[in-house]
Amino acid sequence: MSGVPWRVMADGVELAVRVTPRASREAIGGVVADAAGRPQLAIRVSAPPADGRANEAVVRLLARALGVARSRVVLARGASARSKSLHIHGPPAELEARLRQLVGAGRRGS
């Protein structure tokens, strides 16, 4: 696996995540690889996957970790899957710098 789990866009970044619902604690882990070897940011949330509660917990956790408003983090793909894509609106360079710090702090291998 190589690369980062995000893609810089004109209005922000698109972030690939792998979610584990019903975890004992909420945390943002390191970068892991999906079955095809693509990088994803590992995220654990305590909420169950029912009724979109885990998705909302992921959005809240990422918004808090990146220091952006919750309304700037939008689930783009994967509402009912563990692998999701989120679009984070804001200055791309600033968001990428925050993601690099976040990934460095939570690195745990693939």
C-alpha atoms as a PDB file:
ATOM      1  CA  MET A   1       0.000   0.000   0.000  1.00  0.00           C
ATOM      2  CA  SER A   2       1.256   3.442  -0.813  1.00  0.00           C
ATOM      3  CA  GLY A   3      -0.195   6.884  -0.840  1.00  0.00           C
ATOM      4  CA  VAL A   4      -2.646   8.696   1.339  1.00  0.00           C
ATOM      5  CA  PRO A   5      -6.365   8.049   1.841  1.00  0.00           C
ATOM      6  CA  TRP A   6      -7.419  11.474   0.552  1.00  0.00           C
ATOM      7  CA  ARG A   7      -7.575  13.309  -2.728  1.00  0.00           C
ATOM      8  CA  VAL A   8      -7.195  17.076  -2.928  1.00  0.00           C
ATOM      9  CA  MET A   9     -10.009  18.822  -4.783  1.00  0.00           C
ATOM     10  CA  ALA A  10     -10.708  22.457  -5.658  1.00  0.00           C
ATOM     11  CA  ASP A  11     -13.116  22.948  -2.733  1.00  0.00           C
ATOM     12  CA  GLY A  12     -11.594  20.619  -0.138  1.00  0.00           C
ATOM     13  CA  VAL A  13     -10.554  16.987   0.110  1.00  0.00           C
ATOM     14  CA  GLU A  14     -12.198  13.636  -0.501  1.00  0.00           C
ATOM     15  CA  LEU A  15     -11.310  11.140   2.220  1.00  0.00           C
ATOM     16  CA  ALA A  16     -11.589   7.341   2.064  1.00  0.00           C
ATOM     17  CA  VAL A  17     -12.364   5.750   5.430  1.00  0.00           C
ATOM     18  CA  ARG A  18     -12.892   2.259   6.839  1.00  0.00           C
ATOM     19  CA  VAL A  19     -15.406   2.362   9.701  1.00  0.00           C
ATOM     20  CA  THR A  20     -15.746  -0.060  12.590  1.00  0.00           C
ATOM     21  CA  PRO A  21     -19.089   0.543  14.335  1.00  0.00           C
ATOM     22  CA  ARG A  22     -19.918  -0.589  17.881  1.00  0.00           C
ATOM     23  CA  ALA A  23     -16.313  -0.131  19.011  1.00  0.00           C
ATOM     24  CA  SER A  24     -15.540   0.120  22.709  1.00  0.00           C
ATOM     25  CA  ARG A  25     -14.210   3.644  22.148  1.00  0.00           C
ATOM     26  CA  GLU A  26     -14.153   6.204  19.380  1.00  0.00           C
ATOM     27  CA  ALA A  27     -10.807   6.753  17.704  1.00  0.00           C
ATOM     28  CA  ILE A  28      -9.112   7.619  14.469  1.00  0.00           C
ATOM     29  CA  GLY A  29      -6.451   5.057  13.689  1.00  0.00           C
ATOM     30  CA  GLY A  30      -3.832   4.960  11.015  1.00  0.00           C
ATOM     31  CA  VAL A  31      -3.973   4.182   7.339  1.00  0.00           C
ATOM     32  CA  VAL A  32      -5.055   0.676   6.347  1.00  0.00           C
ATOM     33  CA  ALA A  33      -5.471  -0.939   2.929  1.00  0.00           C
ATOM     34  CA  ASP A  34      -8.730  -2.186   1.475  1.00  0.00           C
ATOM     35  CA  ALA A  35      -8.930  -5.493  -0.430  1.00  0.00           C
ATOM     36  CA  ALA A  36      -7.633  -3.784  -3.581  1.00  0.00           C
ATOM     37  CA  GLY A  37      -4.723  -2.175  -1.735  1.00  0.00           C
ATOM     38  CA  ARG A  38      -6.166   1.345  -1.702  1.00  0.00           C
ATOM     39  CA  PRO A  39      -5.405   3.375   1.438  1.00  0.00           C
ATOM     40  CA  GLN A  40      -8.222   4.178   3.874  1.00  0.00           C
ATOM     41  CA  LEU A  41      -8.249   5.972   7.211  1.00  0.00           C
ATOM     42  CA  ALA A  42      -9.362   3.581   9.966  1.00  0.00           C
ATOM     43  CA  ILE A  43     -12.096   5.020  12.184  1.00  0.00           C
ATOM     44  CA  ARG A  44     -13.809   3.386  15.161  1.00  0.00           C
ATOM     45  CA  VAL A  45     -17.107   4.678  16.514  1.00  0.00           C
ATOM     46  CA  SER A  46     -19.214   3.392  19.385  1.00  0.00           C
ATOM     47  CA  ALA A  47     -22.513   4.003  17.576  1.00  0.00           C
ATOM     48  CA  PRO A  48     -24.308   1.082  15.912  1.00  0.00           C
ATOM     49  CA  PRO A  49     -24.702   1.079  12.125  1.00  0.00           C
ATOM     50  CA  ALA A  50     -28.512   1.265  12.374  1.00  0.00           C
ATOM     51  CA  ASP A  51     -30.422   4.356  11.263  1.00  0.00           C
ATOM     52  CA  GLY A  52     -27.275   6.156  10.086  1.00  0.00           C
ATOM     53  CA  ARG A  53     -26.005   6.623  13.634  1.00  0.00           C
ATOM     54  CA  ALA A  54     -22.512   5.311  12.844  1.00  0.00           C
ATOM     55  CA  ASN A  55     -22.298   7.617   9.808  1.00  0.00           C
ATOM     56  CA  GLU A  56     -23.233  10.608  11.944  1.00  0.00           C
ATOM     57  CA  ALA A  57     -20.655   9.591  14.553  1.00  0.00           C
ATOM     58  CA  VAL A  58     -17.958   9.386  11.852  1.00  0.00           C
ATOM     59  CA  VAL A  59     -18.857  12.848  10.562  1.00  0.00           C
ATOM     60  CA  ARG A  60     -18.815  14.322  14.089  1.00  0.00           C
ATOM     61  CA  LEU A  61     -15.508  12.653  14.974  1.00  0.00           C
ATOM     62  CA  LEU A  62     -13.775  13.812  11.796  1.00  0.00           C
ATOM     63  CA  ALA A  63     -15.124  17.347  12.070  1.00  0.00           C
ATOM     64  CA  ARG A  64     -13.857  17.597  15.641  1.00  0.00           C
ATOM     65  CA  ALA A  65     -10.453  16.062  14.783  1.00  0.00           C
ATOM     66  CA  LEU A  66      -9.941  18.383  11.806  1.00  0.00           C
ATOM     67  CA  GLY A  67     -11.276  21.485  13.537  1.00  0.00           C
ATOM     68  CA  VAL A  68     -14.020  22.156  11.004  1.00  0.00           C
ATOM     69  CA  ALA A  69     -17.754  22.644  11.335  1.00  0.00           C
ATOM     70  CA  ARG A  70     -19.806  19.463  11.165  1.00  0.00           C
ATOM     71  CA  SER A  71     -21.647  20.904   8.141  1.00  0.00           C
ATOM     72  CA  ARG A  72     -18.362  20.899   6.173  1.00  0.00           C
ATOM     73  CA  VAL A  73     -18.050  17.089   6.371  1.00  0.00           C
ATOM     74  CA  VAL A  74     -20.399  15.319   3.958  1.00  0.00           C
ATOM     75  CA  LEU A  75     -20.835  11.595   3.369  1.00  0.00           C
ATOM     76  CA  ALA A  76     -20.346  11.225  -0.390  1.00  0.00           C
ATOM     77  CA  ARG A  77     -20.461   7.428  -0.832  1.00  0.00           C
ATOM     78  CA  GLY A  78     -20.906   4.269   1.201  1.00  0.00           C
ATOM     79  CA  ALA A  79     -23.816   5.102   3.508  1.00  0.00           C
ATOM     80  CA  SER A  80     -24.474   1.426   4.224  1.00  0.00           C
ATOM     81  CA  ALA A  81     -20.924   0.094   3.784  1.00  0.00           C
ATOM     82  CA  ARG A  82     -17.891   0.033   6.057  1.00  0.00           C
ATOM     83  CA  SER A  83     -15.810   1.680   3.337  1.00  0.00           C
ATOM     84  CA  LYS A  84     -16.961   5.246   2.870  1.00  0.00           C
ATOM     85  CA  SER A  85     -15.959   8.382   1.060  1.00  0.00           C
ATOM     86  CA  LEU A  86     -16.395  11.753   2.736  1.00  0.00           C
ATOM     87  CA  HIS A  87     -16.000  15.191   1.234  1.00  0.00           C
ATOM     88  CA  ILE A  88     -14.566  17.798   3.567  1.00  0.00           C
ATOM     89  CA  HIS A  89     -15.168  21.341   2.368  1.00  0.00           C
ATOM     90  CA  GLY A  90     -12.570  23.997   3.085  1.00  0.00           C
ATOM     91  CA  PRO A  91      -9.115  25.241   2.072  1.00  0.00           C
ATOM     92  CA  PRO A  92      -7.476  22.149   0.505  1.00  0.00           C
ATOM     93  CA  ALA A  93      -3.911  22.898   1.629  1.00  0.00           C
ATOM     94  CA  GLU A  94      -5.006  23.507   5.219  1.00  0.00           C
ATOM     95  CA  LEU A  95      -7.152  20.359   5.320  1.00  0.00           C
ATOM     96  CA  GLU A  96      -4.360  18.263   3.824  1.00  0.00           C
ATOM     97  CA  ALA A  97      -1.920  19.538   6.465  1.00  0.00           C
ATOM     98  CA  ARG A  98      -4.391  18.637   9.236  1.00  0.00           C
ATOM     99  CA  LEU A  99      -4.954  15.179   7.732  1.00  0.00           C
ATOM    100  CA  ARG A 100      -1.202  14.568   7.557  1.00  0.00           C
ATOM    101  CA  GLN A 101      -0.927  15.434  11.265  1.00  0.00           C
ATOM    102  CA  LEU A 102      -3.910  13.235  12.095  1.00  0.00           C
ATOM    103  CA  VAL A 103      -2.573  10.263  10.136  1.00  0.00           C
ATOM    104  CA  GLY A 104       0.884  10.676  11.659  1.00  0.00           C
ATOM    105  CA  ALA A 105      -0.601  10.696  15.158  1.00  0.00           C
ATOM    106  CA  GLY A 106      -2.701   7.602  14.517  1.00  0.00           C
ATOM    107  CA  ARG A 107      -0.346   5.550  12.342  1.00  0.00           C
ATOM    108  CA  ARG A 108      -0.688   1.820  12.939  1.00  0.00           C
ATOM    109  CA  GLY A 109       0.393   0.055   9.775  1.00  0.00           C
ATOM    110  CA  SER A 110      -1.625  -1.865   7.253  1.00  0.00           C
END
